[in-house]
Protein backbone atom coordinates (compact mmCIF):
# COMPACT_ATOMS: atom_id res chain seq x y z
CA MET A 1 -56.20 41.39 12.13
CA PHE A 2 -58.30 40.27 9.16
CA LEU A 3 -60.98 42.63 7.78
CA LYS A 4 -64.31 40.97 7.59
CA ASP A 5 -65.18 42.38 4.02
CA SER A 6 -64.29 40.34 0.91
CA ARG A 7 -61.62 42.73 -0.25
CA GLY A 8 -59.80 42.46 2.95
CA LEU A 9 -59.88 38.72 2.95
CA THR A 10 -58.60 38.61 -0.66
CA PHE A 11 -55.82 41.00 0.24
CA SER A 12 -54.56 38.93 3.19
CA THR A 13 -54.77 35.71 1.12
CA ASN A 14 -52.60 37.25 -1.65
CA MET A 15 -50.09 38.26 0.82
CA LEU A 16 -49.72 34.89 2.30
CA ILE A 17 -49.44 33.41 -1.21
CA MET A 18 -46.78 36.01 -2.01
CA LEU A 19 -44.95 35.30 1.20
CA PHE A 20 -45.13 31.50 0.57
CA MET A 21 -43.75 31.93 -2.98
CA LEU A 22 -40.93 34.26 -1.55
CA ILE A 23 -40.01 31.55 0.91
CA LEU A 24 -39.91 28.85 -1.77
CA VAL A 25 -37.72 31.18 -4.09
CA PHE A 26 -35.31 31.98 -1.31
CA GLY A 27 -35.05 28.39 -0.26
CA ALA A 28 -34.30 27.47 -3.86
CA ILE A 29 -31.60 30.24 -4.14
CA MET A 30 -30.06 29.02 -0.96
CA ASN A 31 -29.97 25.56 -2.28
CA ILE A 32 -28.42 26.54 -5.58
CA ILE A 33 -25.85 28.50 -3.53
CA ASP A 34 -25.18 25.50 -1.40
CA ILE A 35 -24.63 23.26 -4.37
CA SER A 36 -22.43 25.72 -6.07
CA SER A 37 -20.28 26.21 -2.90
CA GLU A 38 -20.11 22.40 -2.51
CA LYS A 39 -19.10 21.99 -6.27
CA THR A 40 -16.45 24.74 -5.74
CA MET A 41 -15.19 23.08 -2.55
CA ASN A 42 -15.09 19.71 -4.40
CA SER A 43 -13.32 21.21 -7.48
CA LEU A 44 -10.69 22.82 -4.97
CA GLU A 45 -10.36 19.70 -3.04
CA VAL A 46 -9.83 17.60 -6.19
CA GLN A 47 -7.14 20.11 -7.45
CA GLU A 48 -5.27 20.01 -4.10
CA ILE A 49 -5.32 16.18 -4.02
CA GLU A 50 -4.06 16.17 -7.70
CA ARG A 51 -1.26 18.61 -6.91
CA ILE A 52 -0.09 16.59 -3.79
CA THR A 53 -0.21 13.27 -5.55
CA ASN A 54 1.83 14.52 -8.45
CA GLU A 55 4.44 15.91 -6.04
CA ILE A 56 4.56 12.55 -4.17
CA VAL A 57 4.78 10.54 -7.40
CA ASP A 58 7.73 12.72 -8.44
CA ILE A 59 9.37 12.17 -5.10
CA LEU A 60 8.97 8.25 -5.37
CA ILE A 61 10.16 7.72 -8.81
CA ASN A 62 13.11 10.31 -8.86
CA ASN A 63 14.40 9.77 -5.46
CA PRO A 64 15.85 6.61 -3.82
CA GLY A 65 15.06 7.62 -0.25
CA THR A 66 17.26 7.66 2.76
CA PRO A 67 19.33 6.02 4.22
CA LYS A 68 21.06 4.55 1.13
CA HIS A 69 19.79 1.17 0.07
CA TRP A 70 17.06 1.25 2.73
CA GLU A 71 15.37 -1.70 1.18
CA ASN A 72 18.15 -3.90 2.94
CA LEU A 73 17.14 -2.73 6.43
CA TYR A 74 15.17 -4.66 9.05
CA ASP A 75 13.80 -1.38 10.73
CA PHE A 76 12.10 1.07 8.49
CA SER A 77 11.24 3.56 11.14
CA ILE A 78 14.04 5.82 10.07
CA VAL A 79 13.40 5.56 6.31
CA ASN A 80 12.50 8.55 4.18
CA PRO A 81 10.90 6.72 1.34
CA GLY A 82 11.83 6.97 -2.28
CA LEU A 83 11.65 4.13 -4.86
CA SER A 84 14.16 4.92 -7.66
CA ILE A 85 16.84 2.54 -8.40
CA GLU A 86 20.38 3.24 -6.87
CA ASN A 87 23.25 2.74 -9.01
CA SER A 88 25.54 -0.19 -7.94
CA SER A 89 27.87 -0.04 -10.89
CA GLU A 90 31.35 1.44 -10.92
CA VAL A 91 31.30 2.41 -14.63
CA ASN A 92 29.33 5.67 -14.11
CA ASP A 93 28.99 7.97 -11.01
CA GLU A 94 25.24 8.51 -11.09
CA GLU A 95 23.97 7.94 -7.61
CA PHE A 96 20.37 6.82 -8.79
CA TYR A 97 18.33 6.67 -11.98
CA LEU A 98 15.35 8.88 -12.58
CA ASN A 99 11.90 7.63 -13.54
CA THR A 100 12.80 4.20 -12.25
CA VAL A 101 11.26 2.12 -9.35
CA SER A 102 13.01 -0.63 -7.43
CA PHE A 103 11.09 -3.98 -7.28
CA LYS A 104 12.54 -4.76 -3.92
CA LYS A 105 11.47 -1.46 -2.49
CA LEU A 106 7.96 -2.03 -3.85
CA GLN A 107 7.89 -5.45 -2.32
CA ILE A 108 8.56 -3.95 1.14
CA LEU A 109 5.53 -1.61 0.66
CA LYS A 110 3.49 -4.52 -0.41
CA ASN A 111 4.56 -6.68 2.55
CA GLY A 112 3.20 -4.26 5.12
CA GLU A 113 5.11 -0.88 5.14
CA TYR A 114 2.76 1.13 2.80
CA GLU A 115 0.83 2.68 5.69
CA ASN A 116 3.98 3.70 7.41
CA LEU A 117 6.01 4.83 4.58
CA ILE A 118 3.50 6.34 2.21
CA THR A 119 0.31 7.09 4.11
CA LYS A 120 2.01 8.35 7.31
CA LYS A 121 5.31 9.88 6.17
CA LEU A 122 4.33 11.32 2.73
CA PHE A 123 0.50 11.97 2.93
CA LYS A 124 0.57 12.81 6.73
CA ASN A 125 -2.50 10.51 7.22
CA LYS A 126 -4.66 12.93 5.28
CA ILE A 127 -4.99 11.13 1.95
CA LYS A 128 -5.50 7.53 1.23
CA SER A 129 -3.77 6.13 -1.80
CA SER A 130 -2.57 3.04 -3.74
CA ILE A 131 0.24 2.26 -6.19
CA SER A 132 -0.08 -0.09 -9.34
CA ILE A 133 2.45 -1.21 -11.68
CA TYR A 134 1.43 -2.23 -15.08
CA PRO A 135 4.38 -3.72 -17.23
CA ILE A 136 4.04 -2.86 -20.94
CA ASN A 137 5.30 -6.44 -21.43
CA SER A 138 2.02 -8.39 -20.93
CA SER A 139 3.83 -11.52 -20.04
CA ILE A 140 4.52 -10.08 -16.56
CA ASP A 141 1.70 -9.73 -13.93
CA PRO A 142 0.85 -6.27 -12.72
CA ILE A 143 1.44 -5.35 -9.07
CA THR A 144 -1.09 -3.36 -6.86
CA ILE A 145 -0.40 -2.22 -3.45
CA ASN A 146 -2.92 -1.12 -0.85
CA ASP A 147 -5.95 -0.99 -3.13
CA ASP A 148 -8.75 -0.89 -0.72
CA PHE A 149 -10.83 1.82 -2.51
CA ASN A 150 -13.77 -0.49 -2.99
CA ASN A 151 -14.06 -0.63 0.87
CA HIS A 152 -14.82 3.11 1.09
CA GLU A 153 -17.93 5.04 0.04
CA THR A 154 -16.00 7.56 -2.12
CA GLY A 155 -17.38 9.21 -5.23
CA SER A 156 -15.22 8.30 -8.34
CA SER A 157 -15.18 12.03 -9.09
CA ASN A 158 -12.97 12.56 -5.97
CA ILE A 159 -10.47 9.85 -6.82
CA ILE A 160 -7.33 11.04 -8.55
CA ALA A 161 -5.09 8.83 -10.70
CA VAL A 162 -1.63 10.02 -11.65
CA ASN A 163 0.24 7.96 -14.38
CA ARG A 164 3.89 7.85 -15.12
CA THR A 165 6.13 5.60 -17.53
CA VAL A 166 8.94 4.22 -15.48
CA ARG A 167 11.62 1.56 -15.65
CA CYS A 168 11.29 -1.34 -13.04
CA ASN A 169 14.10 -3.80 -12.51
CA PHE A 170 11.91 -6.71 -11.24
CA TYR A 171 14.21 -9.58 -10.48
CA SER A 172 17.02 -8.48 -12.72
CA ASP A 173 19.35 -7.98 -9.81
CA LEU A 174 19.44 -11.81 -9.46
CA SER A 175 20.93 -12.07 -12.89
CA ILE A 176 24.61 -13.09 -12.99
CA ILE A 177 25.32 -13.22 -16.86
CA SER A 178 22.89 -12.95 -19.69
CA VAL A 179 22.83 -13.03 -23.57
CA SER A 180 20.12 -11.58 -25.75
CA ASN A 181 19.48 -10.55 -29.22
CA ILE A 182 19.81 -6.89 -27.89
CA ASP A 183 23.46 -7.64 -27.62
CA LYS A 184 23.43 -8.41 -31.34
CA ILE A 185 21.49 -5.39 -32.26
CA ASN A 186 23.76 -3.19 -30.21
CA ASN A 187 26.82 -4.78 -32.03
CA LYS A 188 28.23 -6.10 -28.87
CA SER A 189 30.75 -8.95 -29.10
CA TYR A 190 29.09 -12.16 -27.85
CA ASN A 191 32.17 -14.09 -27.49
CA ASN A 192 35.52 -12.78 -26.67
CA LEU A 193 37.75 -15.84 -27.46
CA ASN A 194 40.49 -14.66 -25.21
CA LEU A 195 38.19 -15.13 -22.30
CA CYS A 196 36.99 -18.55 -23.13
CA ASN A 197 38.71 -21.42 -21.25
CA HIS A 198 38.85 -23.58 -24.40
CA ARG A 199 41.08 -21.27 -26.15
CA ASN A 200 44.26 -22.91 -27.49
CA ILE A 201 43.11 -26.39 -26.54
CA GLU A 202 43.83 -28.76 -29.35
CA LYS A 203 40.57 -30.18 -30.99
CA ASN A 204 38.51 -28.53 -28.32
CA GLU A 205 38.49 -24.86 -29.15
CA HIS A 206 35.28 -23.03 -29.59
CA PHE A 207 35.29 -21.86 -33.28
CA ASP A 208 32.16 -20.93 -35.18
CA ASP A 209 31.39 -22.71 -38.37
CA GLU A 210 28.71 -22.60 -41.11
CA ASN A 211 26.00 -24.15 -38.78
CA TYR A 212 26.82 -23.00 -35.39
CA GLU A 213 28.03 -20.01 -33.28
CA TRP A 214 29.61 -20.08 -29.89
CA ILE A 215 28.76 -17.77 -27.16
CA CYS A 216 31.04 -18.23 -24.07
CA LYS A 217 30.73 -16.24 -20.82
CA GLY A 218 32.56 -16.63 -17.53
CA PHE A 219 31.30 -16.04 -14.11
CA LYS A 220 32.66 -16.50 -10.33
CA LEU A 221 30.73 -18.05 -7.48
CA ASN A 222 31.80 -18.77 -3.90
CA LYS A 223 30.68 -21.69 -1.96
CA ASN A 224 28.69 -19.54 0.61
CA ASP A 225 26.71 -18.05 -2.16
CA PHE A 226 26.09 -21.53 -3.69
CA GLU A 227 24.88 -22.86 -0.35
CA GLU A 228 22.33 -20.07 0.06
CA LYS A 229 20.86 -19.96 -3.50
CA ASN A 230 19.62 -21.98 -6.34
CA TYR A 231 21.05 -21.55 -9.78
CA TYR A 232 19.31 -21.75 -13.03
CA ILE A 233 19.65 -21.05 -16.66
CA VAL A 234 16.44 -19.52 -17.85
CA PHE A 235 15.88 -19.45 -21.76
CA ASN A 236 13.28 -17.81 -23.82
CA GLU A 237 10.80 -19.96 -25.63
CA ASN A 238 12.53 -19.18 -29.12
CA SER A 239 15.75 -20.87 -27.73
CA VAL A 240 14.14 -24.19 -26.65
CA ASN A 241 14.13 -27.31 -29.00
CA LYS A 242 15.87 -25.25 -31.82
CA GLU A 243 19.06 -27.55 -31.83
CA ASN A 244 20.90 -25.35 -29.32
CA TYR A 245 23.32 -26.63 -26.84
CA TRP A 246 24.98 -25.57 -23.63
CA VAL A 247 28.07 -26.65 -21.68
CA LEU A 248 29.04 -25.75 -18.12
CA ASP A 249 32.69 -26.09 -16.88
CA THR A 250 35.47 -24.38 -14.89
CA ILE A 251 38.78 -22.74 -15.53
CA LYS A 252 40.54 -26.05 -14.39
CA ASN A 253 38.03 -28.62 -15.76
CA HIS A 254 37.14 -28.49 -19.44
CA SER A 255 34.09 -30.25 -20.74
CA ASN A 256 32.83 -31.15 -24.11
CA ASP A 257 29.38 -32.44 -22.59
CA GLU A 258 27.02 -30.52 -25.01
CA LYS A 259 23.43 -30.74 -23.61
CA ILE A 260 20.62 -29.85 -25.81
CA ILE A 261 18.30 -27.05 -24.65
CA ASN A 262 15.00 -28.60 -24.25
CA SER A 263 13.54 -26.64 -21.34
CA ASN A 264 13.20 -23.03 -20.54
CA LYS A 265 14.65 -23.56 -17.05
CA ILE A 266 17.69 -25.68 -16.19
CA ASN A 267 18.70 -26.32 -12.51
CA LEU A 268 22.54 -26.17 -12.13
CA ASN A 269 22.90 -27.05 -8.45
CA ASP A 270 23.88 -30.58 -8.98
CA GLN A 271 26.64 -29.81 -11.40
CA LEU A 272 27.88 -26.83 -9.39
CA ASN A 273 27.94 -29.04 -6.23
CA GLN A 274 30.31 -31.28 -7.95
CA PHE A 275 32.78 -28.59 -8.84
CA PHE A 276 32.52 -27.17 -5.19
CA GLU A 277 33.60 -30.30 -3.54
CA ASN A 278 37.12 -29.10 -2.76
CA GLU A 279 36.96 -25.40 -3.56
CA ASN A 280 35.64 -22.30 -1.76
CA SER A 281 35.42 -20.25 -4.89
CA MET A 282 35.70 -20.94 -8.58
CA ILE A 283 35.43 -19.43 -11.97
CA PHE A 284 32.88 -21.06 -14.15
CA TYR A 285 32.15 -20.89 -18.05
CA LEU A 286 28.81 -21.24 -19.69
CA HIS A 287 29.17 -22.07 -23.32
CA SER A 288 26.26 -21.80 -25.74
CA LYS A 289 26.42 -23.56 -29.07
CA ILE A 290 23.80 -21.81 -31.09
CA ASN A 291 22.18 -22.78 -34.47
CA LYS A 292 22.80 -19.95 -36.78
CA ASN A 293 19.22 -20.11 -38.04
CA ASN A 294 18.20 -19.02 -34.49
CA ILE A 295 20.97 -16.84 -33.41
CA ASP A 296 18.81 -13.46 -33.53
CA LYS A 297 16.16 -14.99 -31.19
CA TYR A 298 18.50 -16.81 -28.69
CA GLU A 299 18.32 -15.42 -25.14
CA TYR A 300 19.21 -16.69 -21.72
CA VAL A 301 19.97 -15.40 -18.32
CA LEU A 302 21.99 -17.21 -15.64
CA ILE A 303 20.33 -16.52 -12.06
CA GLY A 304 21.03 -17.10 -8.56
CA VAL A 305 17.81 -16.98 -6.49
CA PRO A 306 17.07 -17.31 -2.69
CA LYS A 307 16.06 -20.82 -1.82
CA ASP A 308 12.65 -19.73 -0.66
CA LEU A 309 11.79 -18.04 -4.04
CA ASP A 310 9.65 -20.12 -6.16
CA ILE A 311 10.29 -19.04 -9.84
CA SER A 312 8.21 -21.90 -11.53
CA SER A 313 5.79 -19.29 -12.98
CA PHE A 314 8.38 -16.88 -14.04
CA ASN A 315 9.71 -16.42 -17.54
CA ILE A 316 12.89 -14.83 -18.61
CA ASP A 317 11.27 -11.43 -18.78
CA TYR A 318 11.06 -11.38 -14.98
CA PHE A 319 14.89 -11.19 -14.94
CA LYS A 320 15.12 -8.09 -17.16
CA ASP A 321 14.39 -4.36 -16.60
CA GLN A 322 10.94 -3.60 -17.96
CA ASP A 323 9.08 -0.37 -19.05
CA CYS A 324 5.90 -0.09 -16.88
CA TYR A 325 3.19 2.35 -16.08
CA PHE A 326 3.24 3.49 -12.52
CA ILE A 327 -0.22 4.60 -11.37
CA MET A 328 -0.95 6.33 -8.02
CA LYS A 329 -4.70 6.62 -6.97
CA SER A 330 -5.69 8.90 -4.21
CA TYR A 331 -8.48 10.50 -2.32
CA TYR A 332 -9.06 12.43 0.95
CA ASP A 333 -9.65 10.37 3.92
CA GLU A 334 -12.80 11.89 5.69
CA ASN A 335 -12.58 9.73 8.72
């Protein structure tokens, strides 16, 4: 009840103003508390995403997954994912290589298994993520898998990016034999004359002279492999049109047909087909006659590729192991 004198009315008005001010201050304080709490929660959330993502990345690049060589399966429901490269060599007893990623396993993720193997099995459907591979060698295209972040209204501050340097094998498992200047740097013997099928053949032996050096390597193919694949010699650009030559023959049929290297890819199918007419398997020899002025820049790789694989846009670097940046981005899925 208001008093009807001027002092009472003034008193009541002052009380209302003070009450109004208190409400404003209280509201501002509560708003600050809410913002602070939200920032604290966001900070904790980001830290948790970062921790989980780091753990997942370490699992992927330092673990091949199970079963062994799961990339060769047709059913991936039993797979516990890991991307590191498994050792197929008999020279050492390492089961797999740390800080590596298998290109074939990456392709399986890219071709539809990312949600099943990564989102469901590793992140338990709680976190969305993507994987990108950026080769340090810029002549190789990067790979991005499951990058749909632009389709989500997600603040950039909540997206975590974890970066590791890894070794990726790309298509190097398709290589049969290779020669590169790295062999020279490492003091490896290019040409073991005892293994060259031209050894002790009069007027046909491959000896180095003042202008040329021979590099001779043998390899074995069976007819079934030949029928399922296309075979190429892939040269680097520094080997083409440099007065370098190549010869293909077999342990039984010696050839002096020196062909100049004038293209960075040479299809061998027609020549191999002639040799396979009456044989089920055969030992071949690929001989390189290299201009000594170019020996340190000479490189080739002999590959057998599935017939449905188009390599027209691939250079020689696609068939070597490459250092890359492995980047995983992630954020909480609020749906």
